[in-house]
Amino acid sequence: MVGPFGIMLFASAVDWDYAKHRRLLIYITISGLLMGGVAGYQVLTKQAPQSEWLDTDLDTDRTIIRVWSIFSIPTYYSIFVDISILVALGLLLTSSGWFERFVWGLSFLGFLLAQLLTYARGGLLASAFGLFVALAVESLVWACVAAAAAVIGALTIPQLRDRLLTAFTWAYVQESSQPGGRIYQWGRALENVGILGGFKGIKQLLIGTGPGTFGTQSSINLGLHGALRIDSAYYAIMAEYGLLGVVSFVYFVVSTLLEGLKKVLNTEDKRVKLLLACVLGAVSAWAFHGLTDNVFDYFYVLSWVFPLAMVL
């Protein structure tokens, strides 16, 4: 964790201007394109996804392959794509020449396709939320039009429609409440700090049981890979760092987004405003994705998130 926090400290000391903003976004986009190249290779070579990534009731021979790029599961890759989509959009909207528009426009479309191919519900919803935030800052009308187009598009792709809609069915809630399911994991996190299942002391409630005692890292320590994984950054933080920890994290997220929104609205330069709006959308997407997936499990994404937060 020293690396990401170190990057944040350096980023906080930078006197950010438009040129530096764009340079940072270009570096992030290039990184995203390299990951996307691996994902594209997986599609072209028709590499089969692992069986545990599939919904047996939904995934058939018609299902497009789930890409995972250089990561262990598609969900981790989708977290990086959340940010890549918004960053590439920012470069596209502030491009001055036709070649730049072609490169960043193609990158933006490529990242959208990559997110579709991850079939990660959290990633799809987070990217949609981030795009809505970025567009709404500039024009609420255009944001609503884009949202309507996204809904129509999702409903016209059978596999995508089924995968998204099943998350809102009672059958999915019941399945998720069973051991290993998302809701079950959230309950375990609340039990760990004594909110459910009996009070365990004020100390455990406020500061949790400490890093590495619950969730993914604990599973690795015990040799039970993924057994204690919590599909939510907010619940995962609560389990290990208690109420004080999760309140601190929520404060970081909310204060960053509000400060960023204020900065975007008070910026008069059109290009800078568009760029900052997309950065705001990228951080919003990451924070939103944390509701349903632990965006800290693959913490290298913080090397992107923290500098973007410092830009805001």
C-alpha atoms as a PDB file:
ATOM      1  CA  MET A   1       0.000   0.000   0.000  1.00  0.00           C
ATOM      2  CA  VAL A   2       3.036   2.283   0.330  1.00  0.00           C
ATOM      3  CA  GLY A   3       3.180   2.790  -3.433  1.00  0.00           C
ATOM      4  CA  PRO A   4      -0.378   4.110  -3.995  1.00  0.00           C
ATOM      5  CA  PHE A   5      -0.246   6.343  -0.914  1.00  0.00           C
ATOM      6  CA  GLY A   6       3.150   7.657  -1.986  1.00  0.00           C
ATOM      7  CA  ILE A   7       1.724   8.494  -5.400  1.00  0.00           C
ATOM      8  CA  MET A   8      -1.158  10.318  -3.702  1.00  0.00           C
ATOM      9  CA  LEU A   9       1.261  12.415  -1.640  1.00  0.00           C
ATOM     10  CA  PHE A  10       3.284  13.344  -4.718  1.00  0.00           C
ATOM     11  CA  ALA A  11       0.095  14.102  -6.661  1.00  0.00           C
ATOM     12  CA  SER A  12      -1.139  16.379  -3.877  1.00  0.00           C
ATOM     13  CA  ALA A  13       2.037  18.451  -4.215  1.00  0.00           C
ATOM     14  CA  VAL A  14       1.659  18.981  -7.975  1.00  0.00           C
ATOM     15  CA  ASP A  15       0.401  22.327  -9.249  1.00  0.00           C
ATOM     16  CA  TRP A  16      -2.090  20.822 -11.678  1.00  0.00           C
ATOM     17  CA  ASP A  17      -2.830  22.663 -14.904  1.00  0.00           C
ATOM     18  CA  TYR A  18      -4.567  21.618 -18.121  1.00  0.00           C
ATOM     19  CA  ALA A  19      -1.424  20.170 -19.739  1.00  0.00           C
ATOM     20  CA  LYS A  20      -0.600  18.077 -16.675  1.00  0.00           C
ATOM     21  CA  HIS A  21      -4.207  16.901 -16.429  1.00  0.00           C
ATOM     22  CA  ARG A  22      -4.143  15.622 -20.003  1.00  0.00           C
ATOM     23  CA  ARG A  23      -0.725  14.027 -19.587  1.00  0.00           C
ATOM     24  CA  LEU A  24      -1.941  12.056 -16.563  1.00  0.00           C
ATOM     25  CA  LEU A  25      -5.035  10.895 -18.454  1.00  0.00           C
ATOM     26  CA  ILE A  26      -2.911   9.863 -21.437  1.00  0.00           C
ATOM     27  CA  TYR A  27      -0.682   7.707 -19.213  1.00  0.00           C
ATOM     28  CA  ILE A  28      -3.720   6.031 -17.651  1.00  0.00           C
ATOM     29  CA  THR A  29      -5.298   5.434 -21.067  1.00  0.00           C
ATOM     30  CA  ILE A  30      -2.118   3.846 -22.423  1.00  0.00           C
ATOM     31  CA  SER A  31      -2.053   1.513 -19.414  1.00  0.00           C
ATOM     32  CA  GLY A  32      -5.705   0.672 -20.041  1.00  0.00           C
ATOM     33  CA  LEU A  33      -4.998  -0.037 -23.702  1.00  0.00           C
ATOM     34  CA  LEU A  34      -2.215  -2.459 -22.808  1.00  0.00           C
ATOM     35  CA  MET A  35      -4.642  -4.347 -20.536  1.00  0.00           C
ATOM     36  CA  GLY A  36      -7.252  -4.177 -23.289  1.00  0.00           C
ATOM     37  CA  GLY A  37      -4.802  -5.717 -25.738  1.00  0.00           C
ATOM     38  CA  VAL A  38      -4.562  -8.801 -23.543  1.00  0.00           C
ATOM     39  CA  ALA A  39      -8.363  -8.935 -23.281  1.00  0.00           C
ATOM     40  CA  GLY A  40      -8.635  -8.652 -27.066  1.00  0.00           C
ATOM     41  CA  TYR A  41      -6.195 -11.541 -27.476  1.00  0.00           C
ATOM     42  CA  GLN A  42      -8.384 -13.642 -25.171  1.00  0.00           C
ATOM     43  CA  VAL A  43     -11.391 -12.939 -27.389  1.00  0.00           C
ATOM     44  CA  LEU A  44      -9.567 -13.616 -30.654  1.00  0.00           C
ATOM     45  CA  THR A  45      -8.124 -16.894 -29.379  1.00  0.00           C
ATOM     46  CA  LYS A  46     -11.492 -17.829 -27.798  1.00  0.00           C
ATOM     47  CA  GLN A  47     -10.034 -18.574 -24.392  1.00  0.00           C
ATOM     48  CA  ALA A  48     -12.732 -20.145 -22.236  1.00  0.00           C
ATOM     49  CA  PRO A  49     -13.707 -18.434 -18.974  1.00  0.00           C
ATOM     50  CA  GLN A  50     -13.504 -20.439 -15.757  1.00  0.00           C
ATOM     51  CA  SER A  51     -16.719 -22.218 -14.823  1.00  0.00           C
ATOM     52  CA  GLU A  52     -17.048 -20.398 -11.468  1.00  0.00           C
ATOM     53  CA  TRP A  53     -17.387 -17.090 -13.334  1.00  0.00           C
ATOM     54  CA  LEU A  54     -20.576 -18.222 -15.037  1.00  0.00           C
ATOM     55  CA  ASP A  55     -24.204 -18.190 -13.965  1.00  0.00           C
ATOM     56  CA  THR A  56     -25.320 -21.716 -14.770  1.00  0.00           C
ATOM     57  CA  ASP A  57     -28.911 -20.606 -15.298  1.00  0.00           C
ATOM     58  CA  LEU A  58     -27.950 -17.798 -17.676  1.00  0.00           C
ATOM     59  CA  ASP A  59     -24.720 -18.593 -19.496  1.00  0.00           C
ATOM     60  CA  THR A  60     -25.174 -20.755 -22.564  1.00  0.00           C
ATOM     61  CA  ASP A  61     -23.307 -21.343 -25.787  1.00  0.00           C
ATOM     62  CA  ARG A  62     -24.667 -17.979 -26.962  1.00  0.00           C
ATOM     63  CA  THR A  63     -22.824 -16.103 -24.217  1.00  0.00           C
ATOM     64  CA  ILE A  64     -19.868 -14.007 -25.312  1.00  0.00           C
ATOM     65  CA  ILE A  65     -16.622 -14.886 -23.561  1.00  0.00           C
ATOM     66  CA  ARG A  66     -15.950 -13.118 -20.246  1.00  0.00           C
ATOM     67  CA  VAL A  67     -12.580 -11.358 -20.520  1.00  0.00           C
ATOM     68  CA  TRP A  68     -10.277 -10.935 -17.550  1.00  0.00           C
ATOM     69  CA  SER A  69      -7.115  -9.476 -19.163  1.00  0.00           C
ATOM     70  CA  ILE A  70      -4.070  -9.783 -16.856  1.00  0.00           C
ATOM     71  CA  PHE A  71      -6.157 -10.250 -13.699  1.00  0.00           C
ATOM     72  CA  SER A  72      -7.387 -13.333 -11.881  1.00  0.00           C
ATOM     73  CA  ILE A  73     -11.119 -12.632 -12.408  1.00  0.00           C
ATOM     74  CA  PRO A  74     -13.191 -10.407 -14.745  1.00  0.00           C
ATOM     75  CA  THR A  75     -14.417  -8.297 -11.806  1.00  0.00           C
ATOM     76  CA  TYR A  76     -10.921  -6.977 -11.067  1.00  0.00           C
ATOM     77  CA  TYR A  77     -10.425  -6.032 -14.702  1.00  0.00           C
ATOM     78  CA  SER A  78     -13.796  -4.263 -14.826  1.00  0.00           C
ATOM     79  CA  ILE A  79     -12.680  -1.929 -12.004  1.00  0.00           C
ATOM     80  CA  PHE A  80      -9.825  -0.653 -14.175  1.00  0.00           C
ATOM     81  CA  VAL A  81     -12.147  -0.373 -17.173  1.00  0.00           C
ATOM     82  CA  ASP A  82     -14.536   1.821 -15.129  1.00  0.00           C
ATOM     83  CA  ILE A  83     -11.825   4.455 -14.948  1.00  0.00           C
ATOM     84  CA  SER A  84     -10.416   3.887 -18.444  1.00  0.00           C
ATOM     85  CA  ILE A  85     -13.795   4.623 -20.077  1.00  0.00           C
ATOM     86  CA  LEU A  86     -14.135   8.029 -18.407  1.00  0.00           C
ATOM     87  CA  VAL A  87     -10.492   8.977 -18.877  1.00  0.00           C
ATOM     88  CA  ALA A  88     -10.615   8.181 -22.603  1.00  0.00           C
ATOM     89  CA  LEU A  89     -13.848  10.187 -22.890  1.00  0.00           C
ATOM     90  CA  GLY A  90     -12.135  13.175 -21.307  1.00  0.00           C
ATOM     91  CA  LEU A  91      -9.311  12.989 -23.860  1.00  0.00           C
ATOM     92  CA  LEU A  92     -11.822  12.595 -26.706  1.00  0.00           C
ATOM     93  CA  LEU A  93     -13.896  15.629 -25.684  1.00  0.00           C
ATOM     94  CA  THR A  94     -10.807  17.839 -25.405  1.00  0.00           C
ATOM     95  CA  SER A  95      -9.047  16.662 -28.583  1.00  0.00           C
ATOM     96  CA  SER A  96      -8.080  19.341 -31.075  1.00  0.00           C
ATOM     97  CA  GLY A  97      -7.173  17.385 -34.217  1.00  0.00           C
ATOM     98  CA  TRP A  98      -8.809  14.624 -36.230  1.00  0.00           C
ATOM     99  CA  PHE A  99      -6.028  12.132 -35.437  1.00  0.00           C
ATOM    100  CA  GLU A 100      -6.407  12.681 -31.704  1.00  0.00           C
ATOM    101  CA  ARG A 101     -10.172  12.315 -31.962  1.00  0.00           C
ATOM    102  CA  PHE A 102      -9.722   9.067 -33.881  1.00  0.00           C
ATOM    103  CA  VAL A 103      -7.261   7.592 -31.361  1.00  0.00           C
ATOM    104  CA  TRP A 104      -9.141   8.563 -28.201  1.00  0.00           C
ATOM    105  CA  GLY A 105     -12.545   7.867 -29.758  1.00  0.00           C
ATOM    106  CA  LEU A 106     -11.435   4.367 -30.722  1.00  0.00           C
ATOM    107  CA  SER A 107      -9.997   3.894 -27.231  1.00  0.00           C
ATOM    108  CA  PHE A 108     -13.288   4.980 -25.657  1.00  0.00           C
ATOM    109  CA  LEU A 109     -15.297   2.547 -27.782  1.00  0.00           C
ATOM    110  CA  GLY A 110     -12.780  -0.213 -27.068  1.00  0.00           C
ATOM    111  CA  PHE A 111     -13.106   0.286 -23.318  1.00  0.00           C
ATOM    112  CA  LEU A 112     -16.902   0.234 -23.581  1.00  0.00           C
ATOM    113  CA  LEU A 113     -16.693  -3.072 -25.447  1.00  0.00           C
ATOM    114  CA  ALA A 114     -14.251  -4.447 -22.880  1.00  0.00           C
ATOM    115  CA  GLN A 115     -16.670  -3.592 -20.068  1.00  0.00           C
ATOM    116  CA  LEU A 116     -19.485  -5.357 -21.900  1.00  0.00           C
ATOM    117  CA  LEU A 117     -17.285  -8.417 -22.350  1.00  0.00           C
ATOM    118  CA  THR A 118     -16.404  -8.627 -18.654  1.00  0.00           C
ATOM    119  CA  TYR A 119     -20.109  -9.253 -17.976  1.00  0.00           C
ATOM    120  CA  ALA A 120     -19.446  -7.828 -14.496  1.00  0.00           C
ATOM    121  CA  ARG A 121     -22.716  -6.397 -13.150  1.00  0.00           C
ATOM    122  CA  GLY A 122     -20.940  -4.021 -10.798  1.00  0.00           C
ATOM    123  CA  GLY A 123     -18.649  -2.777 -13.559  1.00  0.00           C
ATOM    124  CA  LEU A 124     -21.481  -2.205 -16.022  1.00  0.00           C
ATOM    125  CA  LEU A 125     -23.551  -0.258 -13.486  1.00  0.00           C
ATOM    126  CA  ALA A 126     -20.543   1.692 -12.199  1.00  0.00           C
ATOM    127  CA  SER A 127     -19.448   2.734 -15.695  1.00  0.00           C
ATOM    128  CA  ALA A 128     -22.995   3.841 -16.498  1.00  0.00           C
ATOM    129  CA  PHE A 129     -23.122   5.856 -13.275  1.00  0.00           C
ATOM    130  CA  GLY A 130     -19.748   7.479 -13.962  1.00  0.00           C
ATOM    131  CA  LEU A 131     -20.767   8.444 -17.494  1.00  0.00           C
ATOM    132  CA  PHE A 132     -24.013   9.919 -16.196  1.00  0.00           C
ATOM    133  CA  VAL A 133     -22.143  12.023 -13.609  1.00  0.00           C
ATOM    134  CA  ALA A 134     -19.633  13.310 -16.170  1.00  0.00           C
ATOM    135  CA  LEU A 135     -22.330  14.235 -18.684  1.00  0.00           C
ATOM    136  CA  ALA A 136     -24.766  15.656 -16.102  1.00  0.00           C
ATOM    137  CA  VAL A 137     -22.199  18.191 -14.921  1.00  0.00           C
ATOM    138  CA  GLU A 138     -22.113  19.616 -18.435  1.00  0.00           C
ATOM    139  CA  SER A 139     -25.727  18.975 -19.518  1.00  0.00           C
ATOM    140  CA  LEU A 140     -28.407  17.123 -17.577  1.00  0.00           C
ATOM    141  CA  VAL A 141     -30.451  16.724 -20.765  1.00  0.00           C
ATOM    142  CA  TRP A 142     -27.636  14.951 -22.597  1.00  0.00           C
ATOM    143  CA  ALA A 143     -26.996  12.807 -19.520  1.00  0.00           C
ATOM    144  CA  CYS A 144     -30.640  11.678 -19.497  1.00  0.00           C
ATOM    145  CA  VAL A 145     -30.537  10.974 -23.241  1.00  0.00           C
ATOM    146  CA  ALA A 146     -27.381   8.878 -22.788  1.00  0.00           C
ATOM    147  CA  ALA A 147     -28.965   7.042 -19.844  1.00  0.00           C
ATOM    148  CA  ALA A 148     -32.052   6.229 -21.898  1.00  0.00           C
ATOM    149  CA  ALA A 149     -29.871   4.987 -24.760  1.00  0.00           C
ATOM    150  CA  ALA A 150     -27.900   2.786 -22.344  1.00  0.00           C
ATOM    151  CA  VAL A 151     -31.082   1.253 -20.937  1.00  0.00           C
ATOM    152  CA  ILE A 152     -32.434   0.551 -24.418  1.00  0.00           C
ATOM    153  CA  GLY A 153     -29.091  -0.904 -25.487  1.00  0.00           C
ATOM    154  CA  ALA A 154     -28.895  -3.171 -22.438  1.00  0.00           C
ATOM    155  CA  LEU A 155     -32.428  -4.433 -22.975  1.00  0.00           C
ATOM    156  CA  THR A 156     -31.738  -5.330 -26.606  1.00  0.00           C
ATOM    157  CA  ILE A 157     -28.786  -7.629 -25.803  1.00  0.00           C
ATOM    158  CA  PRO A 158     -30.384 -10.808 -24.377  1.00  0.00           C
ATOM    159  CA  GLN A 159     -27.392 -12.072 -22.371  1.00  0.00           C
ATOM    160  CA  LEU A 160     -26.652  -8.633 -20.929  1.00  0.00           C
ATOM    161  CA  ARG A 161     -30.315  -7.979 -20.151  1.00  0.00           C
ATOM    162  CA  ASP A 162     -30.737 -11.297 -18.386  1.00  0.00           C
ATOM    163  CA  ARG A 163     -27.544 -10.915 -16.379  1.00  0.00           C
ATOM    164  CA  LEU A 164     -28.453  -7.431 -15.146  1.00  0.00           C
ATOM    165  CA  LEU A 165     -32.118  -8.065 -14.426  1.00  0.00           C
ATOM    166  CA  THR A 166     -31.541 -11.295 -12.485  1.00  0.00           C
ATOM    167  CA  ALA A 167     -29.691  -9.266  -9.841  1.00  0.00           C
ATOM    168  CA  PHE A 168     -33.033  -7.652  -8.949  1.00  0.00           C
ATOM    169  CA  THR A 169     -35.063 -10.860  -8.642  1.00  0.00           C
ATOM    170  CA  TRP A 170     -36.132 -12.567  -5.415  1.00  0.00           C
ATOM    171  CA  ALA A 171     -34.442 -15.783  -6.568  1.00  0.00           C
ATOM    172  CA  TYR A 172     -31.090 -13.962  -6.760  1.00  0.00           C
ATOM    173  CA  VAL A 173     -31.632 -12.443  -3.298  1.00  0.00           C
ATOM    174  CA  GLN A 174     -32.288 -15.902  -1.872  1.00  0.00           C
ATOM    175  CA  GLU A 175     -29.234 -17.362  -3.605  1.00  0.00           C
ATOM    176  CA  SER A 176     -27.087 -14.437  -2.453  1.00  0.00           C
ATOM    177  CA  SER A 177     -28.225 -15.007   1.133  1.00  0.00           C
ATOM    178  CA  GLN A 178     -26.752 -18.515   1.152  1.00  0.00           C
ATOM    179  CA  PRO A 179     -23.164 -19.172   2.403  1.00  0.00           C
ATOM    180  CA  GLY A 180     -20.720 -17.646  -0.071  1.00  0.00           C
ATOM    181  CA  GLY A 181     -23.294 -15.225  -1.492  1.00  0.00           C
ATOM    182  CA  ARG A 182     -22.962 -11.446  -1.520  1.00  0.00           C
ATOM    183  CA  ILE A 183     -25.686 -10.690   1.063  1.00  0.00           C
ATOM    184  CA  TYR A 184     -24.421 -13.515   3.275  1.00  0.00           C
ATOM    185  CA  GLN A 185     -20.928 -11.967   3.179  1.00  0.00           C
ATOM    186  CA  TRP A 186     -22.302  -8.578   4.166  1.00  0.00           C
ATOM    187  CA  GLY A 187     -24.009 -10.181   7.153  1.00  0.00           C
ATOM    188  CA  ARG A 188     -20.721 -11.830   8.172  1.00  0.00           C
ATOM    189  CA  ALA A 189     -19.008  -8.432   8.061  1.00  0.00           C
ATOM    190  CA  LEU A 190     -21.672  -6.924  10.321  1.00  0.00           C
ATOM    191  CA  GLU A 191     -21.334  -9.879  12.698  1.00  0.00           C
ATOM    192  CA  ASN A 192     -17.568  -9.356  12.827  1.00  0.00           C
ATOM    193  CA  VAL A 193     -17.994  -5.930  14.444  1.00  0.00           C
ATOM    194  CA  GLY A 194     -20.973  -6.904  16.583  1.00  0.00           C
ATOM    195  CA  ILE A 195     -23.760  -5.062  14.747  1.00  0.00           C
ATOM    196  CA  LEU A 196     -25.425  -8.436  14.093  1.00  0.00           C
ATOM    197  CA  GLY A 197     -25.191 -11.607  16.123  1.00  0.00           C
ATOM    198  CA  GLY A 198     -24.512 -10.023  19.483  1.00  0.00           C
ATOM    199  CA  PHE A 199     -22.480  -7.084  20.778  1.00  0.00           C
ATOM    200  CA  LYS A 200     -18.721  -7.795  20.880  1.00  0.00           C
ATOM    201  CA  GLY A 201     -17.480  -4.724  22.702  1.00  0.00           C
ATOM    202  CA  ILE A 202     -17.103  -1.053  21.898  1.00  0.00           C
ATOM    203  CA  LYS A 203     -13.497  -1.481  20.728  1.00  0.00           C
ATOM    204  CA  GLN A 204     -14.385  -4.068  18.081  1.00  0.00           C
ATOM    205  CA  LEU A 205     -17.386  -2.006  16.989  1.00  0.00           C
ATOM    206  CA  LEU A 206     -15.348   1.163  16.515  1.00  0.00           C
ATOM    207  CA  ILE A 207     -12.036  -0.119  15.126  1.00  0.00           C
ATOM    208  CA  GLY A 208     -12.876  -3.654  13.947  1.00  0.00           C
ATOM    209  CA  THR A 209     -10.525  -6.607  14.215  1.00  0.00           C
ATOM    210  CA  GLY A 210      -7.637  -5.122  12.238  1.00  0.00           C
ATOM    211  CA  PRO A 211      -6.151  -5.473   8.743  1.00  0.00           C
ATOM    212  CA  GLY A 212      -5.760  -9.003   7.422  1.00  0.00           C
ATOM    213  CA  THR A 213      -8.267 -10.490   9.874  1.00  0.00           C
ATOM    214  CA  PHE A 214     -11.263 -10.675   7.556  1.00  0.00           C
ATOM    215  CA  GLY A 215     -11.924 -10.831   3.840  1.00  0.00           C
ATOM    216  CA  THR A 216      -9.559 -11.734   1.007  1.00  0.00           C
ATOM    217  CA  GLN A 217      -6.245 -11.379   2.838  1.00  0.00           C
ATOM    218  CA  SER A 218      -7.530 -13.470   5.727  1.00  0.00           C
ATOM    219  CA  SER A 219      -8.613 -16.162   3.255  1.00  0.00           C
ATOM    220  CA  ILE A 220      -5.111 -16.233   1.783  1.00  0.00           C
ATOM    221  CA  ASN A 221      -3.521 -16.423   5.235  1.00  0.00           C
ATOM    222  CA  LEU A 222      -5.745 -19.378   6.126  1.00  0.00           C
ATOM    223  CA  GLY A 223      -5.234 -21.106   2.775  1.00  0.00           C
ATOM    224  CA  LEU A 224      -8.939 -20.673   1.946  1.00  0.00           C
ATOM    225  CA  HIS A 225      -8.641 -18.557  -1.191  1.00  0.00           C
ATOM    226  CA  GLY A 226     -11.783 -16.482  -1.701  1.00  0.00           C
ATOM    227  CA  ALA A 227     -13.658 -18.152   1.166  1.00  0.00           C
ATOM    228  CA  LEU A 228     -14.001 -14.958   3.195  1.00  0.00           C
ATOM    229  CA  ARG A 229     -14.050 -12.473   0.334  1.00  0.00           C
ATOM    230  CA  ILE A 230     -16.547  -9.622   0.821  1.00  0.00           C
ATOM    231  CA  ASP A 231     -18.133  -8.200  -2.324  1.00  0.00           C
ATOM    232  CA  SER A 232     -18.234  -4.610  -1.092  1.00  0.00           C
ATOM    233  CA  ALA A 233     -15.418  -2.236  -0.207  1.00  0.00           C
ATOM    234  CA  TYR A 234     -17.586  -0.534   2.390  1.00  0.00           C
ATOM    235  CA  TYR A 235     -18.496  -3.739   4.238  1.00  0.00           C
ATOM    236  CA  ALA A 236     -14.923  -5.023   3.948  1.00  0.00           C
ATOM    237  CA  ILE A 237     -13.566  -1.857   5.556  1.00  0.00           C
ATOM    238  CA  MET A 238     -16.183  -2.036   8.301  1.00  0.00           C
ATOM    239  CA  ALA A 239     -15.255  -5.631   9.129  1.00  0.00           C
ATOM    240  CA  GLU A 240     -11.563  -4.873   9.588  1.00  0.00           C
ATOM    241  CA  TYR A 241     -11.562  -1.210  10.668  1.00  0.00           C
ATOM    242  CA  GLY A 242     -14.957  -0.836  12.347  1.00  0.00           C
ATOM    243  CA  LEU A 243     -17.336   2.095  12.214  1.00  0.00           C
ATOM    244  CA  LEU A 244     -14.520   4.646  12.465  1.00  0.00           C
ATOM    245  CA  GLY A 245     -12.811   3.098   9.471  1.00  0.00           C
ATOM    246  CA  VAL A 246     -15.854   2.986   7.215  1.00  0.00           C
ATOM    247  CA  VAL A 247     -16.937   6.513   8.228  1.00  0.00           C
ATOM    248  CA  SER A 248     -13.433   7.774   7.373  1.00  0.00           C
ATOM    249  CA  PHE A 249     -13.566   6.099   3.970  1.00  0.00           C
ATOM    250  CA  VAL A 250     -17.040   7.443   3.210  1.00  0.00           C
ATOM    251  CA  TYR A 251     -15.826  10.907   4.237  1.00  0.00           C
ATOM    252  CA  PHE A 252     -12.881  10.608   1.829  1.00  0.00           C
ATOM    253  CA  VAL A 253     -15.182   9.551  -1.028  1.00  0.00           C
ATOM    254  CA  VAL A 254     -17.943  12.123  -0.407  1.00  0.00           C
ATOM    255  CA  SER A 255     -15.607  15.053   0.296  1.00  0.00           C
ATOM    256  CA  THR A 256     -13.531  14.273  -2.812  1.00  0.00           C
ATOM    257  CA  LEU A 257     -16.595  14.119  -5.046  1.00  0.00           C
ATOM    258  CA  LEU A 258     -18.166  17.281  -3.584  1.00  0.00           C
ATOM    259  CA  GLU A 259     -14.901  19.183  -3.859  1.00  0.00           C
ATOM    260  CA  GLY A 260     -14.527  17.936  -7.419  1.00  0.00           C
ATOM    261  CA  LEU A 261     -18.077  18.948  -8.307  1.00  0.00           C
ATOM    262  CA  LYS A 262     -17.469  22.421  -6.904  1.00  0.00           C
ATOM    263  CA  LYS A 263     -14.252  22.724  -8.893  1.00  0.00           C
ATOM    264  CA  VAL A 264     -15.922  21.619 -12.133  1.00  0.00           C
ATOM    265  CA  LEU A 265     -18.854  24.025 -11.722  1.00  0.00           C
ATOM    266  CA  ASN A 266     -16.547  26.950 -10.930  1.00  0.00           C
ATOM    267  CA  THR A 267     -14.230  26.318 -13.901  1.00  0.00           C
ATOM    268  CA  GLU A 268     -14.842  28.654 -16.834  1.00  0.00           C
ATOM    269  CA  ASP A 269     -12.359  27.209 -19.335  1.00  0.00           C
ATOM    270  CA  LYS A 270     -14.402  24.778 -21.456  1.00  0.00           C
ATOM    271  CA  ARG A 271     -11.602  22.270 -22.058  1.00  0.00           C
ATOM    272  CA  VAL A 272     -10.540  22.143 -18.417  1.00  0.00           C
ATOM    273  CA  LYS A 273     -14.162  21.780 -17.331  1.00  0.00           C
ATOM    274  CA  LEU A 274     -14.760  18.823 -19.660  1.00  0.00           C
ATOM    275  CA  LEU A 275     -11.561  17.154 -18.510  1.00  0.00           C
ATOM    276  CA  LEU A 276     -12.379  17.612 -14.827  1.00  0.00           C
ATOM    277  CA  ALA A 277     -15.959  16.409 -15.375  1.00  0.00           C
ATOM    278  CA  CYS A 278     -14.641  13.120 -16.762  1.00  0.00           C
ATOM    279  CA  VAL A 279     -12.171  12.776 -13.880  1.00  0.00           C
ATOM    280  CA  LEU A 280     -15.103  13.327 -11.512  1.00  0.00           C
ATOM    281  CA  GLY A 281     -17.023  10.633 -13.389  1.00  0.00           C
ATOM    282  CA  ALA A 282     -14.081   8.215 -13.142  1.00  0.00           C
ATOM    283  CA  VAL A 283     -13.747   8.589  -9.362  1.00  0.00           C
ATOM    284  CA  SER A 284     -17.547   8.375  -9.026  1.00  0.00           C
ATOM    285  CA  ALA A 285     -17.577   5.108 -10.988  1.00  0.00           C
ATOM    286  CA  TRP A 286     -14.850   3.630  -8.770  1.00  0.00           C
ATOM    287  CA  ALA A 287     -16.674   4.668  -5.588  1.00  0.00           C
ATOM    288  CA  PHE A 288     -19.992   3.310  -6.915  1.00  0.00           C
ATOM    289  CA  HIS A 289     -18.399   0.018  -7.904  1.00  0.00           C
ATOM    290  CA  GLY A 290     -17.218  -0.332  -4.316  1.00  0.00           C
ATOM    291  CA  LEU A 291     -20.822  -0.851  -3.212  1.00  0.00           C
ATOM    292  CA  THR A 292     -21.008  -4.305  -4.797  1.00  0.00           C
ATOM    293  CA  ASP A 293     -17.342  -5.333  -5.153  1.00  0.00           C
ATOM    294  CA  ASN A 294     -14.258  -4.864  -3.037  1.00  0.00           C
ATOM    295  CA  VAL A 295     -12.315  -2.332  -5.086  1.00  0.00           C
ATOM    296  CA  PHE A 296      -9.369  -2.765  -2.720  1.00  0.00           C
ATOM    297  CA  ASP A 297      -8.837  -6.466  -3.428  1.00  0.00           C
ATOM    298  CA  TYR A 298      -6.646  -5.465  -6.365  1.00  0.00           C
ATOM    299  CA  PHE A 299      -5.178  -2.357  -4.789  1.00  0.00           C
ATOM    300  CA  TYR A 300      -2.982  -1.324  -7.747  1.00  0.00           C
ATOM    301  CA  VAL A 301      -6.019   0.551  -9.058  1.00  0.00           C
ATOM    302  CA  LEU A 302      -5.313   3.067  -6.284  1.00  0.00           C
ATOM    303  CA  SER A 303      -2.300   4.204  -8.312  1.00  0.00           C
ATOM    304  CA  TRP A 304      -4.925   5.602 -10.690  1.00  0.00           C
ATOM    305  CA  VAL A 305      -7.606   6.623  -8.191  1.00  0.00           C
ATOM    306  CA  PHE A 306      -5.505   8.640  -5.753  1.00  0.00           C
ATOM    307  CA  PRO A 307      -3.858  10.925  -8.361  1.00  0.00           C
ATOM    308  CA  LEU A 308      -7.257  11.507  -9.992  1.00  0.00           C
ATOM    309  CA  ALA A 309      -8.682  12.363  -6.571  1.00  0.00           C
ATOM    310  CA  MET A 310      -5.856  14.841  -5.995  1.00  0.00           C
ATOM    311  CA  VAL A 311      -6.612  16.472  -9.366  1.00  0.00           C
ATOM    312  CA  LEU A 312     -10.127  17.200  -8.048  1.00  0.00           C
END
